Amino acid sequence: MPARVRTASSRVAQALAALDRASMRKTPQRVAIVRAFVDDVTHPTAQQIFDRLRRAMPTMSFATVYNTLAALEQAGVCRTLELDGAAGEGGRRFDPIVEPHDHAVCDRCGAVRDVPRHAQQSAGAPLEGFHVRAIDRIYRGECARCRSSSAEQSANSAEK
């Protein structure tokens, strides 16, 4: 997993500074979104963050969550993953780790996990006739929990 070289408080401070640069006021809702997101390693969707926060902040809108995450992405504080076709929660997921790394996605449950980058090509490196801005490598398969569940179900079926 990529190293988290900054502390949680410095990641929150960096994200809040990014909102300032985007001329977005630090409302209680936006601060709550930042705090809920910056240490979330599950690669949540905007809907998941909204669902997590709306009980404590019933007046917060989904648009506030989405626009806050979009501003953080624009500022380089987070990145998005497009995971169409993944099981469970596919679509646009948000990743608070911007350092280069890859992802493993479970086809059964949709879980997303960080994978250290071992690529020879890096962002910014020359590629004949092309400037590489980003590399998004996604490994698809089945996570250990789902494999274990499949093996257990197979064993139970064989016993019957």
N, C-alpha and C. Protein backbone atom coordinates (compact mmCIF):
# COMPACT_ATOMS: atom_id res chain seq x y z
N MET A 1 0.85 -1.17 0.00
CA MET A 1 0.00 0.00 0.00
C MET A 1 0.90 1.23 0.00
N PRO A 2 0.48 2.30 -0.70
CA PRO A 2 1.30 3.50 -0.72
C PRO A 2 1.49 4.07 0.68
N ALA A 3 2.65 4.62 0.88
CA ALA A 3 2.95 5.20 2.19
C ALA A 3 2.11 6.45 2.40
N ARG A 4 1.62 6.61 3.59
CA ARG A 4 0.89 7.83 3.95
C ARG A 4 1.88 8.68 4.74
N VAL A 5 2.60 9.52 4.01
CA VAL A 5 3.70 10.25 4.61
C VAL A 5 3.22 11.44 5.44
N ARG A 6 2.01 11.88 5.23
CA ARG A 6 1.50 13.01 5.98
C ARG A 6 0.59 12.51 7.10
N THR A 7 0.51 13.29 8.16
CA THR A 7 -0.39 12.94 9.25
C THR A 7 -1.82 13.26 8.86
N ALA A 8 -2.77 12.69 9.61
CA ALA A 8 -4.19 12.96 9.34
C ALA A 8 -4.48 14.45 9.43
N SER A 9 -3.93 15.10 10.45
CA SER A 9 -4.22 16.53 10.60
C SER A 9 -3.62 17.35 9.46
N SER A 10 -2.46 16.94 8.94
CA SER A 10 -1.88 17.69 7.82
C SER A 10 -2.67 17.45 6.54
N ARG A 11 -3.23 16.25 6.37
CA ARG A 11 -4.06 15.98 5.19
C ARG A 11 -5.35 16.79 5.26
N VAL A 12 -5.93 16.89 6.44
CA VAL A 12 -7.14 17.72 6.61
C VAL A 12 -6.79 19.17 6.31
N ALA A 13 -5.69 19.66 6.86
CA ALA A 13 -5.28 21.05 6.64
C ALA A 13 -5.03 21.31 5.16
N GLN A 14 -4.38 20.37 4.47
CA GLN A 14 -4.11 20.53 3.04
C GLN A 14 -5.42 20.57 2.25
N ALA A 15 -6.35 19.71 2.59
CA ALA A 15 -7.63 19.67 1.89
C ALA A 15 -8.43 20.95 2.14
N LEU A 16 -8.43 21.44 3.37
CA LEU A 16 -9.15 22.67 3.67
C LEU A 16 -8.50 23.87 2.98
N ALA A 17 -7.18 23.87 2.87
CA ALA A 17 -6.49 24.93 2.14
C ALA A 17 -6.86 24.89 0.66
N ALA A 18 -7.04 23.68 0.13
CA ALA A 18 -7.46 23.53 -1.27
C ALA A 18 -8.85 24.13 -1.49
N LEU A 19 -9.73 23.96 -0.52
CA LEU A 19 -11.06 24.57 -0.63
C LEU A 19 -10.95 26.09 -0.61
N ASP A 20 -10.05 26.63 0.22
CA ASP A 20 -9.82 28.08 0.24
C ASP A 20 -9.37 28.56 -1.14
N ARG A 21 -8.42 27.84 -1.74
CA ARG A 21 -7.90 28.23 -3.06
C ARG A 21 -9.00 28.16 -4.12
N ALA A 22 -9.96 27.27 -3.93
CA ALA A 22 -11.08 27.15 -4.87
C ALA A 22 -12.20 28.13 -4.54
N SER A 23 -11.94 29.05 -3.60
CA SER A 23 -12.93 30.05 -3.16
C SER A 23 -14.19 29.41 -2.61
N MET A 24 -14.03 28.27 -1.95
CA MET A 24 -15.16 27.60 -1.30
C MET A 24 -15.04 27.83 0.20
N ARG A 25 -16.09 28.38 0.79
CA ARG A 25 -16.06 28.64 2.23
C ARG A 25 -15.94 27.32 2.99
N LYS A 26 -15.30 27.39 4.15
CA LYS A 26 -15.16 26.20 5.00
C LYS A 26 -16.39 26.09 5.89
N THR A 27 -17.48 25.65 5.28
CA THR A 27 -18.72 25.46 6.04
C THR A 27 -18.59 24.21 6.90
N PRO A 28 -19.41 24.08 7.92
CA PRO A 28 -19.36 22.85 8.73
C PRO A 28 -19.55 21.59 7.89
N GLN A 29 -20.40 21.68 6.85
CA GLN A 29 -20.63 20.51 6.00
C GLN A 29 -19.36 20.14 5.23
N ARG A 30 -18.70 21.13 4.65
CA ARG A 30 -17.48 20.84 3.88
C ARG A 30 -16.36 20.33 4.78
N VAL A 31 -16.24 20.89 5.96
CA VAL A 31 -15.23 20.41 6.91
C VAL A 31 -15.52 18.95 7.28
N ALA A 32 -16.79 18.62 7.50
CA ALA A 32 -17.16 17.23 7.82
C ALA A 32 -16.86 16.30 6.66
N ILE A 33 -17.09 16.75 5.43
CA ILE A 33 -16.80 15.94 4.25
C ILE A 33 -15.30 15.66 4.18
N VAL A 34 -14.50 16.70 4.37
CA VAL A 34 -13.04 16.53 4.34
C VAL A 34 -12.59 15.56 5.41
N ARG A 35 -13.07 15.73 6.62
CA ARG A 35 -12.66 14.85 7.73
C ARG A 35 -13.09 13.41 7.48
N ALA A 36 -14.26 13.21 6.89
CA ALA A 36 -14.76 11.86 6.62
C ALA A 36 -13.99 11.20 5.49
N PHE A 37 -13.43 12.00 4.61
CA PHE A 37 -12.82 11.46 3.40
C PHE A 37 -11.32 11.23 3.47
N VAL A 38 -10.56 12.13 4.06
CA VAL A 38 -9.10 12.11 3.88
C VAL A 38 -8.41 10.85 4.39
N ASP A 39 -9.01 10.13 5.32
CA ASP A 39 -8.39 8.90 5.81
C ASP A 39 -9.19 7.65 5.43
N ASP A 40 -10.11 7.78 4.49
CA ASP A 40 -10.96 6.66 4.09
C ASP A 40 -10.26 5.85 3.01
N VAL A 41 -9.81 4.66 3.35
CA VAL A 41 -9.08 3.82 2.40
C VAL A 41 -10.01 2.92 1.58
N THR A 42 -11.33 3.09 1.73
CA THR A 42 -12.28 2.24 1.00
C THR A 42 -12.59 2.76 -0.38
N HIS A 43 -12.04 3.92 -0.76
CA HIS A 43 -12.31 4.53 -2.05
C HIS A 43 -13.82 4.75 -2.21
N PRO A 44 -14.39 5.57 -1.33
CA PRO A 44 -15.85 5.72 -1.31
C PRO A 44 -16.40 6.48 -2.51
N THR A 45 -17.67 6.27 -2.77
CA THR A 45 -18.39 7.09 -3.74
C THR A 45 -18.88 8.34 -3.00
N ALA A 46 -19.29 9.34 -3.77
CA ALA A 46 -19.87 10.53 -3.15
C ALA A 46 -21.13 10.14 -2.37
N GLN A 47 -21.90 9.19 -2.91
CA GLN A 47 -23.12 8.75 -2.24
C GLN A 47 -22.81 8.11 -0.89
N GLN A 48 -21.74 7.32 -0.81
CA GLN A 48 -21.37 6.69 0.46
C GLN A 48 -21.00 7.74 1.51
N ILE A 49 -20.26 8.76 1.10
CA ILE A 49 -19.89 9.82 2.04
C ILE A 49 -21.14 10.58 2.46
N PHE A 50 -22.01 10.87 1.51
CA PHE A 50 -23.26 11.56 1.82
C PHE A 50 -24.09 10.76 2.81
N ASP A 51 -24.24 9.46 2.56
CA ASP A 51 -25.03 8.60 3.46
C ASP A 51 -24.43 8.56 4.86
N ARG A 52 -23.11 8.54 4.94
CA ARG A 52 -22.41 8.48 6.23
C ARG A 52 -22.64 9.76 7.05
N LEU A 53 -22.74 10.90 6.37
CA LEU A 53 -22.80 12.18 7.07
C LEU A 53 -24.20 12.75 7.25
N ARG A 54 -25.15 12.30 6.46
CA ARG A 54 -26.45 12.99 6.47
C ARG A 54 -27.24 12.82 7.76
N ARG A 55 -27.01 11.76 8.51
CA ARG A 55 -27.72 11.62 9.78
C ARG A 55 -27.30 12.73 10.75
N ALA A 56 -26.01 13.03 10.78
CA ALA A 56 -25.51 14.09 11.66
C ALA A 56 -25.77 15.48 11.08
N MET A 57 -25.92 15.56 9.75
CA MET A 57 -26.13 16.85 9.08
C MET A 57 -27.27 16.72 8.08
N PRO A 58 -28.50 16.66 8.55
CA PRO A 58 -29.64 16.40 7.67
C PRO A 58 -29.89 17.47 6.62
N THR A 59 -29.36 18.68 6.80
CA THR A 59 -29.58 19.72 5.80
C THR A 59 -28.54 19.71 4.69
N MET A 60 -27.52 18.87 4.82
CA MET A 60 -26.48 18.79 3.80
C MET A 60 -27.05 18.13 2.54
N SER A 61 -26.68 18.66 1.38
CA SER A 61 -27.16 18.09 0.13
C SER A 61 -26.09 17.20 -0.50
N PHE A 62 -26.55 16.29 -1.37
CA PHE A 62 -25.62 15.45 -2.12
C PHE A 62 -24.72 16.33 -2.99
N ALA A 63 -25.28 17.40 -3.55
CA ALA A 63 -24.49 18.30 -4.40
C ALA A 63 -23.31 18.89 -3.63
N THR A 64 -23.50 19.20 -2.36
CA THR A 64 -22.40 19.72 -1.54
C THR A 64 -21.28 18.70 -1.44
N VAL A 65 -21.63 17.44 -1.21
CA VAL A 65 -20.62 16.38 -1.13
C VAL A 65 -19.89 16.26 -2.46
N TYR A 66 -20.64 16.14 -3.54
CA TYR A 66 -20.04 15.92 -4.85
C TYR A 66 -19.17 17.11 -5.25
N ASN A 67 -19.67 18.33 -5.07
CA ASN A 67 -18.91 19.51 -5.46
C ASN A 67 -17.66 19.69 -4.61
N THR A 68 -17.73 19.34 -3.34
CA THR A 68 -16.55 19.42 -2.47
C THR A 68 -15.49 18.43 -2.94
N LEU A 69 -15.90 17.20 -3.23
CA LEU A 69 -14.95 16.19 -3.72
C LEU A 69 -14.37 16.61 -5.07
N ALA A 70 -15.19 17.19 -5.95
CA ALA A 70 -14.70 17.65 -7.25
C ALA A 70 -13.67 18.76 -7.07
N ALA A 71 -13.90 19.67 -6.13
CA ALA A 71 -12.93 20.74 -5.86
C ALA A 71 -11.62 20.17 -5.32
N LEU A 72 -11.72 19.16 -4.46
CA LEU A 72 -10.51 18.52 -3.93
C LEU A 72 -9.73 17.83 -5.04
N GLU A 73 -10.46 17.19 -5.96
CA GLU A 73 -9.78 16.55 -7.09
C GLU A 73 -9.10 17.60 -7.96
N GLN A 74 -9.81 18.66 -8.28
CA GLN A 74 -9.26 19.74 -9.11
C GLN A 74 -7.99 20.32 -8.48
N ALA A 75 -7.96 20.37 -7.15
CA ALA A 75 -6.81 20.92 -6.42
C ALA A 75 -5.69 19.90 -6.25
N GLY A 76 -5.91 18.67 -6.69
CA GLY A 76 -4.87 17.65 -6.59
C GLY A 76 -4.79 16.98 -5.23
N VAL A 77 -5.82 17.13 -4.40
CA VAL A 77 -5.82 16.55 -3.06
C VAL A 77 -6.39 15.13 -3.08
N CYS A 78 -7.14 14.81 -4.11
CA CYS A 78 -7.65 13.45 -4.26
C CYS A 78 -7.72 13.14 -5.75
N ARG A 79 -8.02 11.90 -6.07
CA ARG A 79 -8.19 11.52 -7.47
C ARG A 79 -9.42 10.64 -7.58
N THR A 80 -9.92 10.53 -8.78
CA THR A 80 -11.10 9.69 -8.97
C THR A 80 -10.72 8.42 -9.71
N LEU A 81 -11.50 7.40 -9.45
CA LEU A 81 -11.37 6.12 -10.15
C LEU A 81 -12.71 5.85 -10.81
N GLU A 82 -12.69 5.55 -12.08
CA GLU A 82 -13.92 5.17 -12.78
C GLU A 82 -13.94 3.65 -12.82
N LEU A 83 -14.87 3.06 -12.09
CA LEU A 83 -14.89 1.61 -11.95
C LEU A 83 -16.16 0.99 -12.51
N ASP A 84 -16.63 1.48 -13.63
CA ASP A 84 -17.81 0.89 -14.24
C ASP A 84 -17.58 -0.59 -14.47
N GLY A 85 -18.59 -1.35 -14.22
CA GLY A 85 -18.49 -2.80 -14.39
C GLY A 85 -18.11 -3.53 -13.12
N ALA A 86 -17.67 -2.79 -12.10
CA ALA A 86 -17.33 -3.44 -10.83
C ALA A 86 -18.62 -3.82 -10.11
N ALA A 87 -18.56 -4.89 -9.37
CA ALA A 87 -19.72 -5.32 -8.59
C ALA A 87 -19.99 -4.32 -7.49
N GLY A 88 -21.16 -4.36 -6.95
CA GLY A 88 -21.49 -3.49 -5.82
C GLY A 88 -21.48 -2.04 -6.22
N GLU A 89 -20.68 -1.23 -5.55
CA GLU A 89 -20.61 0.20 -5.81
C GLU A 89 -19.60 0.47 -6.91
N GLY A 90 -20.03 0.53 -8.13
CA GLY A 90 -19.15 0.87 -9.24
C GLY A 90 -19.15 2.36 -9.45
N GLY A 91 -18.90 2.78 -10.67
CA GLY A 91 -18.94 4.19 -10.99
C GLY A 91 -17.75 4.95 -10.45
N ARG A 92 -17.96 6.22 -10.16
CA ARG A 92 -16.88 7.10 -9.73
C ARG A 92 -16.61 6.93 -8.24
N ARG A 93 -15.37 6.55 -7.93
CA ARG A 93 -14.92 6.40 -6.54
C ARG A 93 -13.84 7.45 -6.31
N PHE A 94 -13.67 7.86 -5.07
CA PHE A 94 -12.70 8.90 -4.73
C PHE A 94 -11.59 8.32 -3.87
N ASP A 95 -10.36 8.69 -4.19
CA ASP A 95 -9.18 8.16 -3.52
C ASP A 95 -8.39 9.31 -2.90
N PRO A 96 -8.19 9.31 -1.58
CA PRO A 96 -7.45 10.40 -0.95
C PRO A 96 -5.93 10.30 -1.14
N ILE A 97 -5.46 9.20 -1.68
CA ILE A 97 -4.02 9.04 -1.89
C ILE A 97 -3.70 9.44 -3.33
N VAL A 98 -2.92 10.48 -3.49
CA VAL A 98 -2.60 10.95 -4.84
C VAL A 98 -1.23 10.47 -5.32
N GLU A 99 -0.43 9.90 -4.42
CA GLU A 99 0.85 9.35 -4.83
C GLU A 99 0.58 8.18 -5.78
N PRO A 100 1.48 7.93 -6.75
CA PRO A 100 1.24 6.87 -7.73
C PRO A 100 1.07 5.50 -7.07
N HIS A 101 -0.01 4.84 -7.42
CA HIS A 101 -0.27 3.47 -6.98
C HIS A 101 -1.37 2.90 -7.85
N ASP A 102 -1.54 1.60 -7.78
CA ASP A 102 -2.55 0.91 -8.56
C ASP A 102 -3.68 0.47 -7.65
N HIS A 103 -4.68 -0.20 -8.24
CA HIS A 103 -5.84 -0.65 -7.46
C HIS A 103 -6.22 -2.07 -7.85
N ALA A 104 -6.70 -2.81 -6.88
CA ALA A 104 -7.28 -4.14 -7.10
C ALA A 104 -8.76 -4.04 -6.76
N VAL A 105 -9.60 -4.51 -7.67
CA VAL A 105 -11.05 -4.41 -7.50
C VAL A 105 -11.64 -5.81 -7.52
N CYS A 106 -12.44 -6.12 -6.50
CA CYS A 106 -13.10 -7.42 -6.43
C CYS A 106 -14.34 -7.39 -7.33
N ASP A 107 -14.41 -8.35 -8.25
CA ASP A 107 -15.55 -8.43 -9.16
C ASP A 107 -16.83 -8.84 -8.46
N ARG A 108 -16.73 -9.48 -7.31
CA ARG A 108 -17.93 -9.93 -6.60
C ARG A 108 -18.51 -8.88 -5.68
N CYS A 109 -17.69 -8.31 -4.80
CA CYS A 109 -18.22 -7.37 -3.80
C CYS A 109 -17.92 -5.91 -4.11
N GLY A 110 -17.04 -5.65 -5.06
CA GLY A 110 -16.71 -4.28 -5.42
C GLY A 110 -15.67 -3.61 -4.55
N ALA A 111 -15.10 -4.34 -3.58
CA ALA A 111 -14.08 -3.75 -2.71
C ALA A 111 -12.89 -3.28 -3.54
N VAL A 112 -12.32 -2.16 -3.15
CA VAL A 112 -11.16 -1.60 -3.84
C VAL A 112 -10.01 -1.53 -2.84
N ARG A 113 -8.86 -1.98 -3.28
CA ARG A 113 -7.68 -2.02 -2.42
C ARG A 113 -6.51 -1.36 -3.14
N ASP A 114 -5.68 -0.64 -2.41
CA ASP A 114 -4.48 -0.03 -2.98
C ASP A 114 -3.41 -1.08 -3.20
N VAL A 115 -2.67 -0.92 -4.30
CA VAL A 115 -1.58 -1.84 -4.65
C VAL A 115 -0.35 -0.99 -4.96
N PRO A 116 0.80 -1.30 -4.36
CA PRO A 116 2.01 -0.52 -4.66
C PRO A 116 2.33 -0.56 -6.15
N ARG A 117 2.84 0.53 -6.66
CA ARG A 117 3.18 0.65 -8.08
C ARG A 117 4.59 0.13 -8.31
N HIS A 118 4.70 -0.79 -9.25
CA HIS A 118 6.01 -1.33 -9.62
C HIS A 118 6.25 -1.14 -11.11
N ALA A 119 5.64 -0.11 -11.68
CA ALA A 119 5.74 0.11 -13.13
C ALA A 119 7.06 0.77 -13.49
N GLN A 120 7.53 0.47 -14.69
CA GLN A 120 8.73 1.12 -15.17
C GLN A 120 8.40 2.50 -15.74
N GLN A 121 7.21 2.66 -16.28
CA GLN A 121 6.78 3.94 -16.82
C GLN A 121 6.12 4.74 -15.71
N SER A 122 6.46 6.00 -15.59
CA SER A 122 5.84 6.82 -14.55
C SER A 122 5.21 8.06 -15.19
N ALA A 123 4.29 8.66 -14.48
CA ALA A 123 3.67 9.88 -14.97
C ALA A 123 4.75 10.93 -15.19
N GLY A 124 4.66 11.63 -16.29
CA GLY A 124 5.64 12.65 -16.62
C GLY A 124 6.81 12.12 -17.43
N ALA A 125 6.98 10.80 -17.48
CA ALA A 125 8.08 10.21 -18.25
C ALA A 125 7.72 10.22 -19.74
N PRO A 126 8.72 10.36 -20.59
CA PRO A 126 8.42 10.40 -22.02
C PRO A 126 7.95 9.04 -22.53
N LEU A 127 6.96 9.07 -23.38
CA LEU A 127 6.46 7.90 -24.08
C LEU A 127 6.40 8.37 -25.52
N GLU A 128 6.97 7.66 -26.42
CA GLU A 128 7.13 8.14 -27.79
C GLU A 128 5.86 8.82 -28.30
N GLY A 129 5.99 10.13 -28.55
CA GLY A 129 4.89 10.91 -29.11
C GLY A 129 3.76 11.21 -28.14
N PHE A 130 4.01 11.02 -26.84
CA PHE A 130 2.91 11.18 -25.88
C PHE A 130 3.47 11.57 -24.52
N HIS A 131 2.85 12.55 -23.88
CA HIS A 131 3.23 12.92 -22.51
C HIS A 131 2.28 12.24 -21.54
N VAL A 132 2.81 11.42 -20.66
CA VAL A 132 1.99 10.67 -19.71
C VAL A 132 1.65 11.58 -18.53
N ARG A 133 0.37 11.82 -18.31
CA ARG A 133 -0.12 12.62 -17.18
C ARG A 133 -0.45 11.73 -16.00
N ALA A 134 -1.01 10.56 -16.28
CA ALA A 134 -1.41 9.64 -15.21
C ALA A 134 -1.46 8.22 -15.76
N ILE A 135 -1.25 7.29 -14.88
CA ILE A 135 -1.38 5.87 -15.22
C ILE A 135 -2.38 5.29 -14.25
N ASP A 136 -3.44 4.71 -14.78
CA ASP A 136 -4.46 4.10 -13.94
C ASP A 136 -4.52 2.61 -14.25
N ARG A 137 -3.88 1.83 -13.42
CA ARG A 137 -3.85 0.39 -13.61
C ARG A 137 -4.78 -0.24 -12.57
N ILE A 138 -5.71 -1.05 -13.06
CA ILE A 138 -6.67 -1.70 -12.17
C ILE A 138 -6.59 -3.20 -12.37
N TYR A 139 -6.35 -3.91 -11.28
CA TYR A 139 -6.34 -5.36 -11.29
C TYR A 139 -7.74 -5.82 -10.90
N ARG A 140 -8.33 -6.70 -11.66
CA ARG A 140 -9.67 -7.20 -11.35
C ARG A 140 -9.59 -8.67 -11.00
N GLY A 141 -10.39 -9.06 -10.03
CA GLY A 141 -10.39 -10.45 -9.61
C GLY A 141 -11.32 -10.64 -8.44
N GLU A 142 -10.93 -11.49 -7.52
CA GLU A 142 -11.77 -11.81 -6.37
C GLU A 142 -10.94 -11.62 -5.10
N CYS A 143 -11.48 -10.87 -4.16
CA CYS A 143 -10.76 -10.61 -2.91
C CYS A 143 -10.74 -11.87 -2.04
N ALA A 144 -9.88 -11.86 -1.03
CA ALA A 144 -9.73 -13.02 -0.15
C ALA A 144 -11.03 -13.36 0.56
N ARG A 145 -11.77 -12.34 1.00
CA ARG A 145 -13.04 -12.60 1.70
C ARG A 145 -14.05 -13.30 0.78
N CYS A 146 -14.15 -12.84 -0.45
CA CYS A 146 -15.09 -13.47 -1.39
C CYS A 146 -14.63 -14.87 -1.79
N ARG A 147 -13.32 -15.05 -1.97
CA ARG A 147 -12.80 -16.39 -2.29
C ARG A 147 -13.09 -17.34 -1.15
N SER A 148 -12.90 -16.89 0.07
CA SER A 148 -13.18 -17.72 1.24
C SER A 148 -14.66 -18.08 1.30
N SER A 149 -15.50 -17.10 1.03
CA SER A 149 -16.95 -17.32 1.03
C SER A 149 -17.34 -18.32 -0.06
N SER A 150 -16.72 -18.21 -1.24
CA SER A 150 -16.99 -19.14 -2.34
C SER A 150 -16.58 -20.55 -1.98
N ALA A 151 -15.41 -20.68 -1.36
CA ALA A 151 -14.92 -22.01 -0.96
C ALA A 151 -15.84 -22.62 0.08
N GLU A 152 -16.31 -21.80 1.01
CA GLU A 152 -17.22 -22.28 2.05
C GLU A 152 -18.55 -22.73 1.44
N GLN A 153 -19.07 -21.95 0.50
CA GLN A 153 -20.33 -22.32 -0.15
C GLN A 153 -20.17 -23.60 -0.96
N SER A 154 -19.03 -23.75 -1.63
CA SER A 154 -18.77 -24.97 -2.41
C SER A 154 -18.70 -26.18 -1.49
N ALA A 155 -18.04 -26.01 -0.35
CA ALA A 155 -17.93 -27.12 0.61
C ALA A 155 -19.30 -27.50 1.15
N ASN A 156 -20.13 -26.51 1.45
CA ASN A 156 -21.47 -26.78 1.95
C ASN A 156 -22.33 -27.47 0.89
N SER A 157 -22.18 -27.08 -0.37
CA SER A 157 -22.94 -27.70 -1.45
C SER A 157 -22.50 -29.14 -1.66
N ALA A 158 -21.20 -29.40 -1.52
CA ALA A 158 -20.67 -30.75 -1.72
C ALA A 158 -21.15 -31.70 -0.62
N GLU A 159 -21.40 -31.16 0.57
CA GLU A 159 -21.85 -32.00 1.69
C GLU A 159 -23.29 -32.44 1.53
N LYS A 160 -24.07 -31.72 0.74
CA LYS A 160 -25.50 -32.03 0.61
C LYS A 160 -25.77 -33.10 -0.39
